[in-house]
Amino acid sequence: MIALGCILQKRGWFQDSFGNDLSKLIQSATPALAVLPILVN
C-alpha cells in the first residue's frame, strides 16, 4: 500500500493537500470506528 501510494504520488494522482485531507478524515472516523464494536455487541 505504501509503495502504491508513493508511485501514485510521483505520477501526480494526488494534490498537495491530500495528506492533510486524509489526516482529517482519519481523525474524524477513528472515534466512530472505536465505538462501533461496542454498539454491535
PDB file of N, CA and C in Angstrom:
ATOM      1  N   MET A   1       0.826  -1.189   0.000  1.00  0.00           N
ATOM      2  CA  MET A   1       0.000   0.000   0.000  1.00  0.00           C
ATOM      3  C   MET A   1       0.868   1.250   0.000  1.00  0.00           C
ATOM      4  N   ILE A   2       1.918   1.231   0.792  1.00  0.00           N
ATOM      5  CA  ILE A   2       2.796   2.405   0.857  1.00  0.00           C
ATOM      6  C   ILE A   2       3.486   2.616  -0.477  1.00  0.00           C
ATOM      7  N   ALA A   3       3.968   1.529  -1.076  1.00  0.00           N
ATOM      8  CA  ALA A   3       4.645   1.638  -2.366  1.00  0.00           C
ATOM      9  C   ALA A   3       3.686   2.147  -3.434  1.00  0.00           C
ATOM     10  N   LEU A   4       2.467   1.647  -3.416  1.00  0.00           N
ATOM     11  CA  LEU A   4       1.466   2.110  -4.379  1.00  0.00           C
ATOM     12  C   LEU A   4       1.197   3.603  -4.193  1.00  0.00           C
ATOM     13  N   GLY A   5       1.090   4.043  -2.947  1.00  0.00           N
ATOM     14  CA  GLY A   5       0.881   5.460  -2.676  1.00  0.00           C
ATOM     15  C   GLY A   5       2.030   6.312  -3.175  1.00  0.00           C
ATOM     16  N   CYS A   6       3.249   5.833  -2.987  1.00  0.00           N
ATOM     17  CA  CYS A   6       4.419   6.576  -3.465  1.00  0.00           C
ATOM     18  C   CYS A   6       4.426   6.683  -4.989  1.00  0.00           C
ATOM     19  N   ILE A   7       4.105   5.594  -5.642  1.00  0.00           N
ATOM     20  CA  ILE A   7       4.072   5.592  -7.112  1.00  0.00           C
ATOM     21  C   ILE A   7       2.998   6.542  -7.628  1.00  0.00           C
ATOM     22  N   LEU A   8       1.808   6.466  -7.037  1.00  0.00           N
ATOM     23  CA  LEU A   8       0.721   7.343  -7.484  1.00  0.00           C
ATOM     24  C   LEU A   8       1.030   8.802  -7.191  1.00  0.00           C
ATOM     25  N   GLN A   9       1.705   9.081  -6.084  1.00  0.00           N
ATOM     26  CA  GLN A   9       2.084  10.461  -5.760  1.00  0.00           C
ATOM     27  C   GLN A   9       3.052  11.001  -6.803  1.00  0.00           C
ATOM     28  N   LYS A  10       4.029  10.186  -7.189  1.00  0.00           N
ATOM     29  CA  LYS A  10       5.011  10.622  -8.183  1.00  0.00           C
ATOM     30  C   LYS A  10       4.367  10.845  -9.545  1.00  0.00           C
ATOM     31  N   ARG A  11       3.323  10.108  -9.845  1.00  0.00           N
ATOM     32  CA  ARG A  11       2.628  10.276 -11.124  1.00  0.00           C
ATOM     33  C   ARG A  11       1.625  11.424 -11.100  1.00  0.00           C
ATOM     34  N   GLY A  12       1.450  12.037  -9.944  1.00  0.00           N
ATOM     35  CA  GLY A  12       0.600  13.216  -9.858  1.00  0.00           C
ATOM     36  C   GLY A  12      -0.873  12.926  -9.633  1.00  0.00           C
ATOM     37  N   TRP A  13      -1.200  11.784  -9.081  1.00  0.00           N
ATOM     38  CA  TRP A  13      -2.597  11.432  -8.854  1.00  0.00           C
ATOM     39  C   TRP A  13      -3.195  12.194  -7.687  1.00  0.00           C
ATOM     40  N   PHE A  14      -2.344  12.655  -6.758  1.00  0.00           N
ATOM     41  CA  PHE A  14      -2.823  13.317  -5.553  1.00  0.00           C
ATOM     42  C   PHE A  14      -2.411  14.779  -5.564  1.00  0.00           C
ATOM     43  N   GLN A  15      -3.271  15.636  -5.039  1.00  0.00           N
ATOM     44  CA  GLN A  15      -2.940  17.045  -4.891  1.00  0.00           C
ATOM     45  C   GLN A  15      -2.043  17.199  -3.671  1.00  0.00           C
ATOM     46  N   ASP A  16      -1.440  18.373  -3.529  1.00  0.00           N
ATOM     47  CA  ASP A  16      -0.549  18.618  -2.392  1.00  0.00           C
ATOM     48  C   ASP A  16      -1.287  18.565  -1.070  1.00  0.00           C
ATOM     49  N   SER A  17      -2.569  18.902  -1.052  1.00  0.00           N
ATOM     50  CA  SER A  17      -3.327  18.922   0.200  1.00  0.00           C
ATOM     51  C   SER A  17      -3.908  17.549   0.559  1.00  0.00           C
ATOM     52  N   PHE A  18      -3.625  16.526  -0.234  1.00  0.00           N
ATOM     53  CA  PHE A  18      -4.205  15.205   0.005  1.00  0.00           C
ATOM     54  C   PHE A  18      -3.837  14.651   1.369  1.00  0.00           C
ATOM     55  N   GLY A  19      -2.588  14.819   1.776  1.00  0.00           N
ATOM     56  CA  GLY A  19      -2.138  14.305   3.076  1.00  0.00           C
ATOM     57  C   GLY A  19      -2.900  14.935   4.223  1.00  0.00           C
ATOM     58  N   ASN A  20      -3.098  16.236   4.162  1.00  0.00           N
ATOM     59  CA  ASN A  20      -3.848  16.926   5.214  1.00  0.00           C
ATOM     60  C   ASN A  20      -5.310  16.495   5.218  1.00  0.00           C
ATOM     61  N   ASP A  21      -5.889  16.363   4.047  1.00  0.00           N
ATOM     62  CA  ASP A  21      -7.292  15.944   3.951  1.00  0.00           C
ATOM     63  C   ASP A  21      -7.475  14.526   4.481  1.00  0.00           C
ATOM     64  N   LEU A  22      -6.555  13.648   4.150  1.00  0.00           N
ATOM     65  CA  LEU A  22      -6.632  12.267   4.618  1.00  0.00           C
ATOM     66  C   LEU A  22      -6.462  12.196   6.136  1.00  0.00           C
ATOM     67  N   SER A  23      -5.569  13.006   6.660  1.00  0.00           N
ATOM     68  CA  SER A  23      -5.363  13.046   8.110  1.00  0.00           C
ATOM     69  C   SER A  23      -6.629  13.493   8.832  1.00  0.00           C
ATOM     70  N   LYS A  24      -7.299  14.508   8.320  1.00  0.00           N
ATOM     71  CA  LYS A  24      -8.541  14.991   8.928  1.00  0.00           C
ATOM     72  C   LYS A  24      -9.624  13.920   8.872  1.00  0.00           C
ATOM     73  N   LEU A  25      -9.699  13.200   7.761  1.00  0.00           N
ATOM     74  CA  LEU A  25     -10.686  12.136   7.614  1.00  0.00           C
ATOM     75  C   LEU A  25     -10.437  11.017   8.621  1.00  0.00           C
ATOM     76  N   ILE A  26      -9.192  10.627   8.772  1.00  0.00           N
ATOM     77  CA  ILE A  26      -8.857   9.557   9.716  1.00  0.00           C
ATOM     78  C   ILE A  26      -9.154   9.988  11.148  1.00  0.00           C
ATOM     79  N   GLN A  27      -8.836  11.227  11.489  1.00  0.00           N
ATOM     80  CA  GLN A  27      -9.082  11.721  12.843  1.00  0.00           C
ATOM     81  C   GLN A  27     -10.568  11.784  13.157  1.00  0.00           C
ATOM     82  N   SER A  28     -11.386  12.070  12.176  1.00  0.00           N
ATOM     83  CA  SER A  28     -12.823  12.147  12.431  1.00  0.00           C
ATOM     84  C   SER A  28     -13.481  10.768  12.420  1.00  0.00           C
ATOM     85  N   ALA A  29     -12.926   9.810  11.688  1.00  0.00           N
ATOM     86  CA  ALA A  29     -13.531   8.479  11.585  1.00  0.00           C
ATOM     87  C   ALA A  29     -13.090   7.545  12.707  1.00  0.00           C
ATOM     88  N   THR A  30     -11.928   7.754  13.282  1.00  0.00           N
ATOM     89  CA  THR A  30     -11.388   6.847  14.291  1.00  0.00           C
ATOM     90  C   THR A  30     -12.292   6.704  15.516  1.00  0.00           C
ATOM     91  N   PRO A  31     -12.804   7.787  16.108  1.00  0.00           N
ATOM     92  CA  PRO A  31     -13.688   7.601  17.266  1.00  0.00           C
ATOM     93  C   PRO A  31     -14.945   6.792  16.934  1.00  0.00           C
ATOM     94  N   ALA A  32     -15.505   7.009  15.762  1.00  0.00           N
ATOM     95  CA  ALA A  32     -16.700   6.264  15.369  1.00  0.00           C
ATOM     96  C   ALA A  32     -16.378   4.777  15.208  1.00  0.00           C
ATOM     97  N   LEU A  33     -15.218   4.469  14.649  1.00  0.00           N
ATOM     98  CA  LEU A  33     -14.831   3.073  14.479  1.00  0.00           C
ATOM     99  C   LEU A  33     -14.509   2.414  15.811  1.00  0.00           C
ATOM    100  N   ALA A  34     -14.099   3.193  16.792  1.00  0.00           N
ATOM    101  CA  ALA A  34     -13.810   2.640  18.113  1.00  0.00           C
ATOM    102  C   ALA A  34     -15.099   2.311  18.871  1.00  0.00           C
ATOM    103  N   VAL A  35     -16.157   3.071  18.648  1.00  0.00           N
ATOM    104  CA  VAL A  35     -17.422   2.879  19.351  1.00  0.00           C
ATOM    105  C   VAL A  35     -18.280   1.812  18.673  1.00  0.00           C
ATOM    106  N   LEU A  36     -18.106   1.622  17.411  1.00  0.00           N
ATOM    107  CA  LEU A  36     -18.943   0.686  16.640  1.00  0.00           C
ATOM    108  C   LEU A  36     -18.963  -0.722  17.220  1.00  0.00           C
ATOM    109  N   PRO A  37     -17.833  -1.336  17.585  1.00  0.00           N
ATOM    110  CA  PRO A  37     -17.896  -2.693  18.164  1.00  0.00           C
ATOM    111  C   PRO A  37     -18.698  -2.758  19.469  1.00  0.00           C
ATOM    112  N   ILE A  38     -18.682  -1.694  20.237  1.00  0.00           N
ATOM    113  CA  ILE A  38     -19.446  -1.665  21.488  1.00  0.00           C
ATOM    114  C   ILE A  38     -20.927  -1.665  21.189  1.00  0.00           C
ATOM    115  N   LEU A  39     -21.328  -0.920  20.195  1.00  0.00           N
ATOM    116  CA  LEU A  39     -22.757  -0.824  19.848  1.00  0.00           C
ATOM    117  C   LEU A  39     -23.270  -2.121  19.213  1.00  0.00           C
ATOM    118  N   VAL A  40     -22.421  -2.819  18.477  1.00  0.00           N
ATOM    119  CA  VAL A  40     -22.837  -4.039  17.792  1.00  0.00           C
ATOM    120  C   VAL A  40     -23.081  -5.163  18.790  1.00  0.00           C
ATOM    121  N   ASN A  41     -22.270  -5.228  19.827  1.00  0.00           N
ATOM    122  CA  ASN A  41     -22.432  -6.303  20.826  1.00  0.00           C
ATOM    123  C   ASN A  41     -23.439  -5.855  21.788  1.00  0.00           C
TER     124      ASN A  41
END
